[in-house]
C-alpha atoms as a PDB file:
ATOM      1  CA  MET A   1      10.610  22.948  44.325  1.00  0.00           C
ATOM      2  CA  ARG A   2      10.403  20.818  41.437  1.00  0.00           C
ATOM      3  CA  ASP A   3       8.304  18.204  43.178  1.00  0.00           C
ATOM      4  CA  ARG A   4       5.745  20.905  43.752  1.00  0.00           C
ATOM      5  CA  GLU A   5       5.774  22.066  40.103  1.00  0.00           C
ATOM      6  CA  TYR A   6       5.410  18.454  39.018  1.00  0.00           C
ATOM      7  CA  LYS A   7       2.418  18.023  41.277  1.00  0.00           C
ATOM      8  CA  SER A   8       0.737  21.222  40.010  1.00  0.00           C
ATOM      9  CA  GLU A   9       1.285  20.274  36.478  1.00  0.00           C
ATOM     10  CA  GLN A  10      -0.370  16.957  37.182  1.00  0.00           C
ATOM     11  CA  LYS A  11      -3.389  18.142  38.982  1.00  0.00           C
ATOM     12  CA  GLY A  12      -6.687  17.505  37.162  1.00  0.00           C
ATOM     13  CA  ALA A  13      -4.736  16.532  33.948  1.00  0.00           C
ATOM     14  CA  GLY A  14      -4.420  12.809  33.595  1.00  0.00           C
ATOM     15  CA  SER A  15      -4.806  12.308  37.373  1.00  0.00           C
ATOM     16  CA  PRO A  16      -6.922   9.354  38.462  1.00  0.00           C
ATOM     17  CA  LEU A  17      -9.082  11.485  40.704  1.00  0.00           C
ATOM     18  CA  PRO A  18      -9.792  15.282  40.379  1.00  0.00           C
ATOM     19  CA  ASN A  19      -7.743  17.226  43.000  1.00  0.00           C
ATOM     20  CA  SER A  20      -5.378  14.210  43.575  1.00  0.00           C
ATOM     21  CA  ASP A  21      -1.739  15.089  44.192  1.00  0.00           C
ATOM     22  CA  ARG A  22      -0.733  11.466  42.895  1.00  0.00           C
ATOM     23  CA  PRO A  23       0.803  11.417  39.347  1.00  0.00           C
ATOM     24  CA  PRO A  24      -0.934   9.150  36.810  1.00  0.00           C
ATOM     25  CA  THR A  25       0.496   5.609  36.674  1.00  0.00           C
ATOM     26  CA  PRO A  26       3.398   5.610  33.832  1.00  0.00           C
ATOM     27  CA  THR A  27       2.894   3.567  30.750  1.00  0.00           C
ATOM     28  CA  PRO A  28       5.491   1.340  29.558  1.00  0.00           C
ATOM     29  CA  TYR A  29       4.977   2.303  25.814  1.00  0.00           C
ATOM     30  CA  PRO A  30       7.337   5.236  25.587  1.00  0.00           C
ATOM     31  CA  THR A  31      10.066   3.225  27.184  1.00  0.00           C
ATOM     32  CA  LEU A  32       9.592   0.296  24.818  1.00  0.00           C
ATOM     33  CA  ARG A  33       9.164   2.131  21.679  1.00  0.00           C
ATOM     34  CA  PRO A  34      12.752   2.998  21.188  1.00  0.00           C
ATOM     35  CA  LEU A  35      13.748  -0.782  21.809  1.00  0.00           C
ATOM     36  CA  GLN A  36      11.896  -1.716  18.656  1.00  0.00           C
ATOM     37  CA  VAL A  37      14.606  -1.958  15.994  1.00  0.00           C
ATOM     38  CA  PHE A  38      13.678  -3.552  12.627  1.00  0.00           C
ATOM     39  CA  SER A  39      16.710  -4.189  10.175  1.00  0.00           C
ATOM     40  CA  ASP A  40      14.334  -4.819   7.453  1.00  0.00           C
ATOM     41  CA  PRO A  41      10.833  -3.690   6.723  1.00  0.00           C
ATOM     42  CA  ALA A  42       8.390  -6.311   8.116  1.00  0.00           C
ATOM     43  CA  ILE A  43       6.648  -6.555   4.551  1.00  0.00           C
ATOM     44  CA  SER A  44       8.087  -5.415   1.273  1.00  0.00           C
ATOM     45  CA  GLU A  45       6.173  -3.103  -1.106  1.00  0.00           C
ATOM     46  CA  GLU A  46       5.369  -6.001  -3.413  1.00  0.00           C
ATOM     47  CA  ALA A  47       4.318  -8.458  -0.707  1.00  0.00           C
ATOM     48  CA  MET A  48       1.834  -5.764   0.789  1.00  0.00           C
ATOM     49  CA  VAL A  49       0.273  -4.987  -2.587  1.00  0.00           C
ATOM     50  CA  THR A  50      -0.310  -8.803  -2.936  1.00  0.00           C
ATOM     51  CA  VAL A  51      -1.847  -8.877   0.582  1.00  0.00           C
ATOM     52  CA  VAL A  52      -4.014  -5.874  -0.211  1.00  0.00           C
ATOM     53  CA  ASN A  53      -5.157  -7.418  -3.560  1.00  0.00           C
ATOM     54  CA  ASP A  54      -5.941 -10.763  -1.919  1.00  0.00           C
ATOM     55  CA  TRP A  55      -8.027  -9.023   0.963  1.00  0.00           C
ATOM     56  CA  VAL A  56     -10.064  -7.095  -1.946  1.00  0.00           C
ATOM     57  CA  SER A  57     -10.675 -10.282  -3.792  1.00  0.00           C
ATOM     58  CA  PHE A  58     -11.745 -11.922  -0.575  1.00  0.00           C
ATOM     59  CA  TYR A  59     -14.215  -9.262   0.213  1.00  0.00           C
ATOM     60  CA  ILE A  60     -15.533  -9.190  -3.233  1.00  0.00           C
ATOM     61  CA  ASN A  61     -16.051 -13.002  -3.237  1.00  0.00           C
ATOM     62  CA  TYR A  62     -17.666 -12.971   0.262  1.00  0.00           C
ATOM     63  CA  TYR A  63     -20.285 -10.344  -0.522  1.00  0.00           C
ATOM     64  CA  LYS A  64     -20.884 -11.700  -3.923  1.00  0.00           C
ATOM     65  CA  LYS A  65     -22.545 -14.568  -2.287  1.00  0.00           C
ATOM     66  CA  GLN A  66     -24.735 -12.352  -0.071  1.00  0.00           C
ATOM     67  CA  LEU A  67     -26.226 -10.310  -2.967  1.00  0.00           C
ATOM     68  CA  SER A  68     -29.762 -10.769  -4.106  1.00  0.00           C
ATOM     69  CA  GLY A  69     -31.773  -9.095  -6.866  1.00  0.00           C
ATOM     70  CA  GLU A  70     -31.392  -8.762 -10.655  1.00  0.00           C
ATOM     71  CA  GLN A  71     -27.990  -9.830 -12.073  1.00  0.00           C
ATOM     72  CA  ASP A  72     -27.351  -6.379 -13.516  1.00  0.00           C
ATOM     73  CA  GLU A  73     -27.928  -4.923 -10.094  1.00  0.00           C
ATOM     74  CA  GLN A  74     -25.546  -7.302  -8.516  1.00  0.00           C
ATOM     75  CA  ASP A  75     -22.993  -6.632 -10.979  1.00  0.00           C
ATOM     76  CA  LYS A  76     -23.340  -2.769 -10.610  1.00  0.00           C
ATOM     77  CA  ALA A  77     -23.163  -3.187  -6.741  1.00  0.00           C
ATOM     78  CA  LEU A  78     -20.125  -5.395  -6.960  1.00  0.00           C
ATOM     79  CA  GLN A  79     -18.495  -2.794  -9.400  1.00  0.00           C
ATOM     80  CA  GLU A  80     -19.158   0.027  -7.069  1.00  0.00           C
ATOM     81  CA  PHE A  81     -17.842  -2.014  -4.139  1.00  0.00           C
ATOM     82  CA  ARG A  82     -14.670  -2.984  -5.967  1.00  0.00           C
ATOM     83  CA  GLN A  83     -14.089   0.694  -6.859  1.00  0.00           C
ATOM     84  CA  GLU A  84     -14.495   1.820  -3.270  1.00  0.00           C
ATOM     85  CA  LEU A  85     -12.143  -0.925  -2.007  1.00  0.00           C
ATOM     86  CA  ASN A  86      -9.642  -0.105  -4.761  1.00  0.00           C
ATOM     87  CA  THR A  87      -9.697   3.514  -3.634  1.00  0.00           C
ATOM     88  CA  LEU A  88      -9.273   2.619  -0.049  1.00  0.00           C
ATOM     89  CA  SER A  89      -6.450   0.222  -0.860  1.00  0.00           C
ATOM     90  CA  ALA A  90      -4.551   2.745  -3.020  1.00  0.00           C
ATOM     91  CA  SER A  91      -4.680   5.176  -0.197  1.00  0.00           C
ATOM     92  CA  PHE A  92      -3.295   2.634   2.256  1.00  0.00           C
ATOM     93  CA  LEU A  93      -0.684   1.459  -0.258  1.00  0.00           C
ATOM     94  CA  ASP A  94       0.489   5.198  -0.752  1.00  0.00           C
ATOM     95  CA  LYS A  95       0.882   5.497   3.123  1.00  0.00           C
ATOM     96  CA  TYR A  96       2.710   2.331   3.249  1.00  0.00           C
ATOM     97  CA  ARG A  97       5.203   3.298   0.434  1.00  0.00           C
ATOM     98  CA  ASN A  98       5.871   6.566   2.434  1.00  0.00           C
ATOM     99  CA  PHE A  99       6.413   4.705   5.604  1.00  0.00           C
ATOM    100  CA  LEU A 100       9.011   2.278   3.765  1.00  0.00           C
ATOM    101  CA  LYS A 101      10.781   5.370   2.280  1.00  0.00           C
ATOM    102  CA  SER A 102      10.978   7.027   5.634  1.00  0.00           C
ATOM    103  CA  SER A 103      12.483   4.075   7.521  1.00  0.00           C
END
């Protein structure tokens, strides 16, 4: 009975072919996920701030060389780019802090 229920649950949802009674191939990820045990966070909050700041500087320095036009236009574009990167990085760092607190 349970086999029939399983087959009817699987029909059309995740099956490789429509109307197939064959269940989908299981993925190893749900099995492996509980095996991942970390005694310490991979990267401390301070180290992650350093990594993020380094990436922001890397992007700024890279795109600074790509700019053309008047110097004041370049400065304004870089300032806007830096603000956008800082906004994105602040959001990421907030999520990372929450992740560290939850683990």
